[in-house]
PDB file of N, CA and C in Angstrom:
ATOM      1  N   MET A   1      37.527  45.423  36.167  1.00  0.00           N
ATOM      2  CA  MET A   1      36.786  45.242  37.378  1.00  0.00           C
ATOM      3  C   MET A   1      36.964  46.508  38.227  1.00  0.00           C
ATOM      4  N   LYS A   2      35.882  46.960  38.802  1.00  0.00           N
ATOM      5  CA  LYS A   2      35.946  48.171  39.604  1.00  0.00           C
ATOM      6  C   LYS A   2      36.686  47.903  40.914  1.00  0.00           C
ATOM      7  N   ASN A   3      37.239  48.979  41.453  1.00  0.00           N
ATOM      8  CA  ASN A   3      38.031  48.864  42.671  1.00  0.00           C
ATOM      9  C   ASN A   3      37.183  48.383  43.845  1.00  0.00           C
ATOM     10  N   LYS A   4      35.937  48.862  43.949  1.00  0.00           N
ATOM     11  CA  LYS A   4      35.073  48.453  45.050  1.00  0.00           C
ATOM     12  C   LYS A   4      34.735  46.967  44.965  1.00  0.00           C
ATOM     13  N   THR A   5      34.487  46.468  43.778  1.00  0.00           N
ATOM     14  CA  THR A   5      34.205  45.046  43.583  1.00  0.00           C
ATOM     15  C   THR A   5      35.413  44.206  43.985  1.00  0.00           C
ATOM     16  N   ARG A   6      36.588  44.663  43.625  1.00  0.00           N
ATOM     17  CA  ARG A   6      37.814  43.954  43.979  1.00  0.00           C
ATOM     18  C   ARG A   6      37.998  43.910  45.498  1.00  0.00           C
ATOM     19  N   MET A   7      37.682  45.018  46.177  1.00  0.00           N
ATOM     20  CA  MET A   7      37.797  45.043  47.636  1.00  0.00           C
ATOM     21  C   MET A   7      36.797  44.091  48.296  1.00  0.00           C
ATOM     22  N   ILE A   8      35.602  43.996  47.758  1.00  0.00           N
ATOM     23  CA  ILE A   8      34.597  43.089  48.310  1.00  0.00           C
ATOM     24  C   ILE A   8      35.031  41.638  48.130  1.00  0.00           C
ATOM     25  N   ILE A   9      35.549  41.308  46.952  1.00  0.00           N
ATOM     26  CA  ILE A   9      36.026  39.940  46.699  1.00  0.00           C
ATOM     27  C   ILE A   9      37.187  39.603  47.628  1.00  0.00           C
ATOM     28  N   THR A  10      38.101  40.555  47.829  1.00  0.00           N
ATOM     29  CA  THR A  10      39.232  40.324  48.718  1.00  0.00           C
ATOM     30  C   THR A  10      38.774  40.167  50.160  1.00  0.00           C
ATOM     31  N   LEU A  11      37.788  40.955  50.584  1.00  0.00           N
ATOM     32  CA  LEU A  11      37.254  40.838  51.933  1.00  0.00           C
ATOM     33  C   LEU A  11      36.621  39.468  52.152  1.00  0.00           C
ATOM     34  N   LEU A  12      35.837  39.012  51.194  1.00  0.00           N
ATOM     35  CA  LEU A  12      35.219  37.687  51.310  1.00  0.00           C
ATOM     36  C   LEU A  12      36.260  36.573  51.316  1.00  0.00           C
ATOM     37  N   SER A  13      37.282  36.709  50.485  1.00  0.00           N
ATOM     38  CA  SER A  13      38.340  35.697  50.446  1.00  0.00           C
ATOM     39  C   SER A  13      39.098  35.639  51.765  1.00  0.00           C
ATOM     40  N   SER A  14      39.404  36.796  52.331  1.00  0.00           N
ATOM     41  CA  SER A  14      40.084  36.829  53.625  1.00  0.00           C
ATOM     42  C   SER A  14      39.203  36.218  54.707  1.00  0.00           C
ATOM     43  N   GLY A  15      37.915  36.476  54.629  1.00  0.00           N
ATOM     44  CA  GLY A  15      36.983  35.885  55.587  1.00  0.00           C
ATOM     45  C   GLY A  15      36.951  34.372  55.482  1.00  0.00           C
ATOM     46  N   LEU A  16      37.012  33.858  54.275  1.00  0.00           N
ATOM     47  CA  LEU A  16      37.034  32.405  54.090  1.00  0.00           C
ATOM     48  C   LEU A  16      38.329  31.787  54.624  1.00  0.00           C
ATOM     49  N   VAL A  17      39.454  32.446  54.400  1.00  0.00           N
ATOM     50  CA  VAL A  17      40.732  31.946  54.930  1.00  0.00           C
ATOM     51  C   VAL A  17      40.692  31.938  56.452  1.00  0.00           C
ATOM     52  N   PHE A  18      40.167  33.016  57.049  1.00  0.00           N
ATOM     53  CA  PHE A  18      40.033  33.088  58.502  1.00  0.00           C
ATOM     54  C   PHE A  18      39.108  31.989  59.023  1.00  0.00           C
ATOM     55  N   ALA A  19      37.968  31.807  58.369  1.00  0.00           N
ATOM     56  CA  ALA A  19      37.008  30.791  58.811  1.00  0.00           C
ATOM     57  C   ALA A  19      37.599  29.391  58.696  1.00  0.00           C
ATOM     58  N   PHE A  20      38.334  29.129  57.634  1.00  0.00           N
ATOM     59  CA  PHE A  20      38.963  27.820  57.465  1.00  0.00           C
ATOM     60  C   PHE A  20      39.988  27.560  58.565  1.00  0.00           C
ATOM     61  N   GLY A  21      40.799  28.575  58.875  1.00  0.00           N
ATOM     62  CA  GLY A  21      41.794  28.419  59.937  1.00  0.00           C
ATOM     63  C   GLY A  21      41.146  28.165  61.282  1.00  0.00           C
ATOM     64  N   VAL A  22      40.103  28.926  61.616  1.00  0.00           N
ATOM     65  CA  VAL A  22      39.415  28.752  62.893  1.00  0.00           C
ATOM     66  C   VAL A  22      38.724  27.393  62.943  1.00  0.00           C
ATOM     67  N   PHE A  23      38.134  26.979  61.842  1.00  0.00           N
ATOM     68  CA  PHE A  23      37.485  25.663  61.787  1.00  0.00           C
ATOM     69  C   PHE A  23      38.492  24.554  62.065  1.00  0.00           C
ATOM     70  N   ARG A  24      39.645  24.645  61.431  1.00  0.00           N
ATOM     71  CA  ARG A  24      40.665  23.611  61.630  1.00  0.00           C
ATOM     72  C   ARG A  24      41.166  23.591  63.066  1.00  0.00           C
ATOM     73  N   ILE A  25      41.274  24.770  63.692  1.00  0.00           N
ATOM     74  CA  ILE A  25      41.735  24.831  65.078  1.00  0.00           C
ATOM     75  C   ILE A  25      40.697  24.238  66.018  1.00  0.00           C
ATOM     76  N   LEU A  26      39.437  24.565  65.823  1.00  0.00           N
ATOM     77  CA  LEU A  26      38.394  24.180  66.767  1.00  0.00           C
ATOM     78  C   LEU A  26      37.894  22.748  66.614  1.00  0.00           C
ATOM     79  N   PHE A  27      37.801  22.244  65.373  1.00  0.00           N
ATOM     80  CA  PHE A  27      37.095  20.990  65.153  1.00  0.00           C
ATOM     81  C   PHE A  27      37.939  19.837  64.644  1.00  0.00           C
ATOM     82  N   GLU A  28      39.218  19.991  64.590  1.00  0.00           N
ATOM     83  CA  GLU A  28      40.061  18.907  64.090  1.00  0.00           C
ATOM     84  C   GLU A  28      41.120  18.562  65.132  1.00  0.00           C
ATOM     85  N   SER A  29      41.471  17.311  65.190  1.00  0.00           N
ATOM     86  CA  SER A  29      42.626  16.938  66.001  1.00  0.00           C
ATOM     87  C   SER A  29      43.842  17.031  65.085  1.00  0.00           C
ATOM     88  N   LEU A  30      44.737  17.922  65.410  1.00  0.00           N
ATOM     89  CA  LEU A  30      45.848  18.235  64.508  1.00  0.00           C
ATOM     90  C   LEU A  30      47.179  17.903  65.157  1.00  0.00           C
ATOM     91  N   ASN A  31      48.153  17.603  64.308  1.00  0.00           N
ATOM     92  CA  ASN A  31      49.508  17.512  64.818  1.00  0.00           C
ATOM     93  C   ASN A  31      50.119  18.912  64.791  1.00  0.00           C
ATOM     94  N   SER A  32      51.338  19.054  65.254  1.00  0.00           N
ATOM     95  CA  SER A  32      51.916  20.386  65.451  1.00  0.00           C
ATOM     96  C   SER A  32      52.068  21.163  64.143  1.00  0.00           C
ATOM     97  N   THR A  33      52.425  20.503  63.038  1.00  0.00           N
ATOM     98  CA  THR A  33      52.602  21.203  61.764  1.00  0.00           C
ATOM     99  C   THR A  33      51.268  21.714  61.228  1.00  0.00           C
ATOM    100  N   SER A  34      50.261  20.879  61.244  1.00  0.00           N
ATOM    101  CA  SER A  34      48.954  21.302  60.762  1.00  0.00           C
ATOM    102  C   SER A  34      48.346  22.368  61.660  1.00  0.00           C
ATOM    103  N   LEU A  35      48.605  22.283  62.949  1.00  0.00           N
ATOM    104  CA  LEU A  35      48.117  23.296  63.871  1.00  0.00           C
ATOM    105  C   LEU A  35      48.781  24.638  63.584  1.00  0.00           C
ATOM    106  N   PHE A  36      50.068  24.625  63.285  1.00  0.00           N
ATOM    107  CA  PHE A  36      50.772  25.854  62.935  1.00  0.00           C
ATOM    108  C   PHE A  36      50.177  26.480  61.680  1.00  0.00           C
ATOM    109  N   VAL A  37      49.915  25.676  60.669  1.00  0.00           N
ATOM    110  CA  VAL A  37      49.319  26.176  59.419  1.00  0.00           C
ATOM    111  C   VAL A  37      47.928  26.728  59.688  1.00  0.00           C
ATOM    112  N   ALA A  38      47.146  26.070  60.527  1.00  0.00           N
ATOM    113  CA  ALA A  38      45.813  26.562  60.858  1.00  0.00           C
ATOM    114  C   ALA A  38      45.885  27.909  61.558  1.00  0.00           C
ATOM    115  N   TYR A  39      46.844  28.072  62.473  1.00  0.00           N
ATOM    116  CA  TYR A  39      47.012  29.368  63.135  1.00  0.00           C
ATOM    117  C   TYR A  39      47.457  30.439  62.148  1.00  0.00           C
ATOM    118  N   VAL A  40      48.321  30.100  61.216  1.00  0.00           N
ATOM    119  CA  VAL A  40      48.743  31.073  60.196  1.00  0.00           C
ATOM    120  C   VAL A  40      47.547  31.505  59.354  1.00  0.00           C
ATOM    121  N   PHE A  41      46.720  30.557  58.943  1.00  0.00           N
ATOM    122  CA  PHE A  41      45.518  30.900  58.174  1.00  0.00           C
ATOM    123  C   PHE A  41      44.594  31.805  58.981  1.00  0.00           C
ATOM    124  N   ALA A  42      44.380  31.475  60.240  1.00  0.00           N
ATOM    125  CA  ALA A  42      43.474  32.268  61.071  1.00  0.00           C
ATOM    126  C   ALA A  42      44.010  33.686  61.268  1.00  0.00           C
ATOM    127  N   ILE A  43      45.283  33.812  61.540  1.00  0.00           N
ATOM    128  CA  ILE A  43      45.860  35.136  61.797  1.00  0.00           C
ATOM    129  C   ILE A  43      45.887  35.983  60.536  1.00  0.00           C
ATOM    130  N   THR A  44      46.369  35.411  59.433  1.00  0.00           N
ATOM    131  CA  THR A  44      46.431  36.202  58.203  1.00  0.00           C
ATOM    132  C   THR A  44      45.033  36.518  57.669  1.00  0.00           C
ATOM    133  N   GLY A  45      44.106  35.603  57.818  1.00  0.00           N
ATOM    134  CA  GLY A  45      42.732  35.877  57.408  1.00  0.00           C
ATOM    135  C   GLY A  45      42.116  36.992  58.222  1.00  0.00           C
ATOM    136  N   PHE A  46      42.369  36.992  59.535  1.00  0.00           N
ATOM    137  CA  PHE A  46      41.845  38.052  60.394  1.00  0.00           C
ATOM    138  C   PHE A  46      42.442  39.409  60.023  1.00  0.00           C
ATOM    139  N   ILE A  47      43.748  39.439  59.779  1.00  0.00           N
ATOM    140  CA  ILE A  47      44.394  40.689  59.369  1.00  0.00           C
ATOM    141  C   ILE A  47      43.805  41.173  58.047  1.00  0.00           C
ATOM    142  N   GLY A  48      43.579  40.272  57.118  1.00  0.00           N
ATOM    143  CA  GLY A  48      42.995  40.640  55.837  1.00  0.00           C
ATOM    144  C   GLY A  48      41.579  41.172  55.973  1.00  0.00           C
ATOM    145  N   VAL A  49      40.780  40.552  56.829  1.00  0.00           N
ATOM    146  CA  VAL A  49      39.404  41.021  57.044  1.00  0.00           C
ATOM    147  C   VAL A  49      39.406  42.423  57.633  1.00  0.00           C
ATOM    148  N   VAL A  50      40.243  42.656  58.627  1.00  0.00           N
ATOM    149  CA  VAL A  50      40.290  43.972  59.262  1.00  0.00           C
ATOM    150  C   VAL A  50      40.786  45.031  58.280  1.00  0.00           C
ATOM    151  N   ALA A  51      41.869  44.747  57.574  1.00  0.00           N
ATOM    152  CA  ALA A  51      42.439  45.728  56.653  1.00  0.00           C
ATOM    153  C   ALA A  51      41.486  46.029  55.496  1.00  0.00           C
ATOM    154  N   ASN A  52      40.912  45.003  54.904  1.00  0.00           N
ATOM    155  CA  ASN A  52      40.014  45.228  53.781  1.00  0.00           C
ATOM    156  C   ASN A  52      38.690  45.834  54.220  1.00  0.00           C
ATOM    157  N   GLY A  53      38.249  45.515  55.433  1.00  0.00           N
ATOM    158  CA  GLY A  53      37.053  46.156  55.961  1.00  0.00           C
ATOM    159  C   GLY A  53      37.252  47.643  56.145  1.00  0.00           C
ATOM    160  N   LYS A  54      38.432  48.030  56.646  1.00  0.00           N
ATOM    161  CA  LYS A  54      38.733  49.454  56.802  1.00  0.00           C
ATOM    162  C   LYS A  54      38.791  50.149  55.447  1.00  0.00           C
ATOM    163  N   LEU A  55      39.434  49.520  54.462  1.00  0.00           N
ATOM    164  CA  LEU A  55      39.506  50.123  53.133  1.00  0.00           C
ATOM    165  C   LEU A  55      38.125  50.265  52.500  1.00  0.00           C
ATOM    166  N   LEU A  56      37.310  49.249  52.653  1.00  0.00           N
ATOM    167  CA  LEU A  56      35.959  49.294  52.079  1.00  0.00           C
ATOM    168  C   LEU A  56      35.124  50.365  52.766  1.00  0.00           C
ATOM    169  N   ARG A  57      35.231  50.456  54.077  1.00  0.00           N
ATOM    170  CA  ARG A  57      34.496  51.482  54.810  1.00  0.00           C
ATOM    171  C   ARG A  57      34.962  52.882  54.418  1.00  0.00           C
ATOM    172  N   LYS A  58      36.276  53.034  54.237  1.00  0.00           N
ATOM    173  CA  LYS A  58      36.827  54.334  53.840  1.00  0.00           C
ATOM    174  C   LYS A  58      36.334  54.719  52.441  1.00  0.00           C
ATOM    175  N   SER A  59      36.312  53.768  51.517  1.00  0.00           N
ATOM    176  CA  SER A  59      35.875  54.064  50.158  1.00  0.00           C
ATOM    177  C   SER A  59      34.356  54.274  50.105  1.00  0.00           C
ATOM    178  N   HIS A  60      33.627  53.676  51.041  1.00  0.00           N
ATOM    179  CA  HIS A  60      32.169  53.841  51.074  1.00  0.00           C
ATOM    180  C   HIS A  60      31.791  55.252  51.522  1.00  0.00           C
ATOM    181  N   HIS A  61      32.598  55.853  52.397  1.00  0.00           N
ATOM    182  CA  HIS A  61      32.305  57.199  52.885  1.00  0.00           C
ATOM    183  C   HIS A  61      32.664  58.268  51.873  1.00  0.00           C
ATOM    184  N   ASN A  62      33.516  57.971  50.914  1.00  0.00           N
ATOM    185  CA  ASN A  62      33.903  58.977  49.905  1.00  0.00           C
ATOM    186  C   ASN A  62      32.909  59.070  48.789  1.00  0.00           C
TER     187      ASN A  62
END
């Protein structure tokens, strides 16, 4: 698998993790443990989207 394809798949996966975390925070009534997990998903997904977006943009310019 090419490196660019792998970066796109990782970017989409991080976006899905972020979206799932935000969905759980906004639309579900959660107890404290589930709320913590939802925040972890949202934060790590956001970090993944930003990091992989930068890598993809950097590789696109080369």
